[in-house]
Each structure stands twice: as C-alpha cells, then as structure tokens.
Amino acid sequence: ALGGYGSVDTVSGSSGSALYGLGSGFWLSQHLSIRTEVRRMTYTARPFTGDQDIQATALSMSLGYLL
C-alpha cells in the first residue's frame, strides 16, 4: 500500500495533491519476479474557466531478474 500528499504546480498556480495506490509482487522462479501496481492521483486545476478536479490513474507492471 502507498499513500502521500504534496503539491502540484500548474500554469495557473499550485494545488494540493493526494496519491494512493496498491501493489503486489511475486517470485515466478528463483531468479525472476513480477510486480504490479495501481496508483491514483487527485488534484484541482484552476484554468480560466473555473476549477476542475483531475483524477489520474496509472497501472504499471515490471519484471525483475536477480543475478
């Protein structure tokens, strides 16, 4: 599990940002592992037309090899 809070700088100024997610890793063999992770980030952008809530989701998968 992961979580955090910070600041996002945009053209119209900075905004508070929350990040949270969940990941898991597995060993496939003695030398090979795989990890998957889902992250979600939310913040408010303030363009000229008014506030917009931005919610971005990222899914990542990685392979690892232990020599």
N, C-alpha and C. Protein backbone atom coordinates (compact mmCIF):
# COMPACT_ATOMS: atom_id res chain seq x y z
N ALA A 1 0.84 -1.17 0.00
CA ALA A 1 0.00 0.00 0.00
C ALA A 1 0.89 1.24 0.00
N LEU A 2 0.42 2.29 -0.63
CA LEU A 2 1.16 3.54 -0.64
C LEU A 2 0.20 4.70 -0.54
N GLY A 3 0.69 5.80 -0.01
CA GLY A 3 -0.13 6.99 0.12
C GLY A 3 0.76 8.20 0.35
N GLY A 4 0.28 9.34 -0.04
CA GLY A 4 1.05 10.55 0.17
C GLY A 4 0.25 11.79 -0.16
N TYR A 5 0.80 12.92 0.24
CA TYR A 5 0.18 14.20 -0.03
C TYR A 5 1.28 15.19 -0.37
N GLY A 6 1.04 16.04 -1.36
CA GLY A 6 2.04 17.01 -1.77
C GLY A 6 1.41 18.14 -2.53
N SER A 7 2.18 18.73 -3.43
CA SER A 7 1.75 19.88 -4.19
C SER A 7 2.03 19.66 -5.66
N VAL A 8 1.11 20.09 -6.51
CA VAL A 8 1.26 20.04 -7.96
C VAL A 8 1.33 21.47 -8.46
N ASP A 9 2.35 21.79 -9.24
CA ASP A 9 2.48 23.12 -9.84
C ASP A 9 1.94 23.09 -11.26
N THR A 10 0.96 23.93 -11.54
CA THR A 10 0.40 24.06 -12.88
C THR A 10 0.62 25.48 -13.37
N VAL A 11 0.23 25.75 -14.59
CA VAL A 11 0.40 27.08 -15.16
C VAL A 11 -0.40 28.11 -14.36
N SER A 12 -1.55 27.70 -13.84
CA SER A 12 -2.40 28.63 -13.11
C SER A 12 -2.09 28.69 -11.62
N GLY A 13 -1.06 27.99 -11.15
CA GLY A 13 -0.70 28.02 -9.73
C GLY A 13 -0.51 26.63 -9.18
N SER A 14 -0.32 26.54 -7.88
CA SER A 14 -0.12 25.23 -7.26
C SER A 14 -1.40 24.78 -6.55
N SER A 15 -1.50 23.46 -6.36
CA SER A 15 -2.68 22.87 -5.74
C SER A 15 -2.23 21.67 -4.92
N GLY A 16 -2.95 21.37 -3.85
CA GLY A 16 -2.66 20.18 -3.06
C GLY A 16 -2.99 18.92 -3.85
N SER A 17 -2.21 17.87 -3.64
CA SER A 17 -2.38 16.64 -4.39
C SER A 17 -2.31 15.44 -3.45
N ALA A 18 -3.22 14.50 -3.62
CA ALA A 18 -3.21 13.25 -2.86
C ALA A 18 -2.86 12.10 -3.79
N LEU A 19 -2.06 11.16 -3.30
CA LEU A 19 -1.65 9.99 -4.07
C LEU A 19 -1.87 8.76 -3.22
N TYR A 20 -2.51 7.75 -3.80
CA TYR A 20 -2.70 6.50 -3.09
C TYR A 20 -2.68 5.36 -4.10
N GLY A 21 -2.36 4.16 -3.62
CA GLY A 21 -2.28 3.03 -4.52
C GLY A 21 -2.05 1.72 -3.78
N LEU A 22 -1.96 0.68 -4.58
CA LEU A 22 -1.79 -0.67 -4.07
C LEU A 22 -0.95 -1.45 -5.06
N GLY A 23 -0.06 -2.26 -4.56
CA GLY A 23 0.80 -3.06 -5.43
C GLY A 23 1.06 -4.43 -4.83
N SER A 24 1.55 -5.32 -5.68
CA SER A 24 1.85 -6.68 -5.24
C SER A 24 2.98 -7.25 -6.09
N GLY A 25 3.82 -8.04 -5.47
CA GLY A 25 4.92 -8.67 -6.19
C GLY A 25 4.97 -10.16 -5.93
N PHE A 26 5.43 -10.90 -6.91
CA PHE A 26 5.50 -12.36 -6.82
C PHE A 26 6.80 -12.85 -7.43
N TRP A 27 7.38 -13.87 -6.82
CA TRP A 27 8.53 -14.56 -7.41
C TRP A 27 7.99 -15.63 -8.34
N LEU A 28 8.41 -15.62 -9.60
CA LEU A 28 8.00 -16.62 -10.57
C LEU A 28 8.96 -17.81 -10.58
N SER A 29 10.21 -17.56 -10.26
CA SER A 29 11.23 -18.61 -10.17
C SER A 29 12.30 -18.10 -9.20
N GLN A 30 13.41 -18.81 -9.11
CA GLN A 30 14.48 -18.42 -8.21
C GLN A 30 15.10 -17.07 -8.60
N HIS A 31 15.03 -16.72 -9.89
CA HIS A 31 15.68 -15.50 -10.38
C HIS A 31 14.70 -14.45 -10.94
N LEU A 32 13.48 -14.79 -11.20
CA LEU A 32 12.55 -13.91 -11.91
C LEU A 32 11.37 -13.52 -11.02
N SER A 33 11.08 -12.22 -10.96
CA SER A 33 9.93 -11.72 -10.19
C SER A 33 9.10 -10.78 -11.05
N ILE A 34 7.87 -10.59 -10.64
CA ILE A 34 6.95 -9.68 -11.33
C ILE A 34 6.26 -8.81 -10.28
N ARG A 35 6.00 -7.55 -10.62
CA ARG A 35 5.32 -6.63 -9.71
C ARG A 35 4.29 -5.84 -10.49
N THR A 36 3.10 -5.71 -9.93
CA THR A 36 2.04 -4.87 -10.50
C THR A 36 1.66 -3.81 -9.47
N GLU A 37 1.24 -2.65 -9.98
CA GLU A 37 0.90 -1.55 -9.10
C GLU A 37 -0.14 -0.66 -9.75
N VAL A 38 -1.09 -0.19 -8.96
CA VAL A 38 -2.10 0.77 -9.40
C VAL A 38 -1.96 2.01 -8.53
N ARG A 39 -1.84 3.18 -9.16
CA ARG A 39 -1.72 4.46 -8.44
C ARG A 39 -2.82 5.39 -8.90
N ARG A 40 -3.32 6.19 -7.97
CA ARG A 40 -4.33 7.19 -8.29
C ARG A 40 -3.90 8.52 -7.68
N MET A 41 -3.93 9.56 -8.48
CA MET A 41 -3.54 10.89 -8.04
C MET A 41 -4.69 11.86 -8.29
N THR A 42 -5.01 12.68 -7.30
CA THR A 42 -6.09 13.65 -7.44
C THR A 42 -5.58 15.04 -7.06
N TYR A 43 -6.02 16.04 -7.81
CA TYR A 43 -5.72 17.43 -7.50
C TYR A 43 -6.70 18.32 -8.23
N THR A 44 -6.69 19.60 -7.92
CA THR A 44 -7.59 20.56 -8.55
C THR A 44 -6.79 21.51 -9.42
N ALA A 45 -7.15 21.57 -10.70
CA ALA A 45 -6.54 22.53 -11.63
C ALA A 45 -7.44 23.77 -11.69
N ARG A 46 -6.83 24.92 -11.86
CA ARG A 46 -7.59 26.16 -11.88
C ARG A 46 -7.37 26.92 -13.19
N PRO A 47 -7.91 26.40 -14.30
CA PRO A 47 -7.80 27.17 -15.55
C PRO A 47 -8.75 28.37 -15.53
N PHE A 48 -8.73 29.15 -16.58
CA PHE A 48 -9.53 30.37 -16.66
C PHE A 48 -11.03 30.10 -16.59
N THR A 49 -11.46 28.88 -16.95
CA THR A 49 -12.88 28.55 -16.99
C THR A 49 -13.43 28.09 -15.65
N GLY A 50 -12.60 27.96 -14.61
CA GLY A 50 -13.06 27.52 -13.29
C GLY A 50 -12.30 26.28 -12.83
N ASP A 51 -12.53 25.91 -11.57
CA ASP A 51 -11.83 24.75 -11.00
C ASP A 51 -12.25 23.45 -11.68
N GLN A 52 -11.28 22.57 -11.91
CA GLN A 52 -11.53 21.24 -12.46
C GLN A 52 -10.81 20.23 -11.60
N ASP A 53 -11.54 19.22 -11.12
CA ASP A 53 -10.93 18.14 -10.36
C ASP A 53 -10.30 17.14 -11.32
N ILE A 54 -9.01 16.91 -11.16
CA ILE A 54 -8.26 15.99 -12.01
C ILE A 54 -8.01 14.71 -11.22
N GLN A 55 -8.32 13.57 -11.83
CA GLN A 55 -8.07 12.28 -11.22
C GLN A 55 -7.37 11.41 -12.25
N ALA A 56 -6.10 11.13 -11.99
CA ALA A 56 -5.28 10.35 -12.93
C ALA A 56 -4.98 8.99 -12.31
N THR A 57 -5.13 7.94 -13.10
CA THR A 57 -4.86 6.58 -12.66
C THR A 57 -3.76 5.98 -13.54
N ALA A 58 -2.81 5.30 -12.91
CA ALA A 58 -1.72 4.65 -13.65
C ALA A 58 -1.60 3.20 -13.19
N LEU A 59 -1.44 2.31 -14.14
CA LEU A 59 -1.21 0.89 -13.88
C LEU A 59 0.17 0.55 -14.41
N SER A 60 1.00 -0.05 -13.57
CA SER A 60 2.35 -0.41 -14.03
C SER A 60 2.63 -1.87 -13.70
N MET A 61 3.47 -2.48 -14.52
CA MET A 61 3.90 -3.86 -14.32
C MET A 61 5.39 -3.91 -14.63
N SER A 62 6.14 -4.58 -13.79
CA SER A 62 7.58 -4.66 -14.02
C SER A 62 8.07 -6.08 -13.76
N LEU A 63 9.13 -6.42 -14.47
CA LEU A 63 9.82 -7.70 -14.28
C LEU A 63 11.16 -7.45 -13.65
N GLY A 64 11.57 -8.34 -12.77
CA GLY A 64 12.88 -8.23 -12.14
C GLY A 64 13.66 -9.52 -12.33
N TYR A 65 14.97 -9.38 -12.49
CA TYR A 65 15.83 -10.55 -12.64
C TYR A 65 16.97 -10.44 -11.64
N LEU A 66 17.10 -11.43 -10.79
CA LEU A 66 18.15 -11.47 -9.78
C LEU A 66 19.29 -12.33 -10.29
N LEU A 67 20.48 -11.75 -10.40
CA LEU A 67 21.63 -12.49 -10.90
C LEU A 67 22.13 -13.52 -9.91
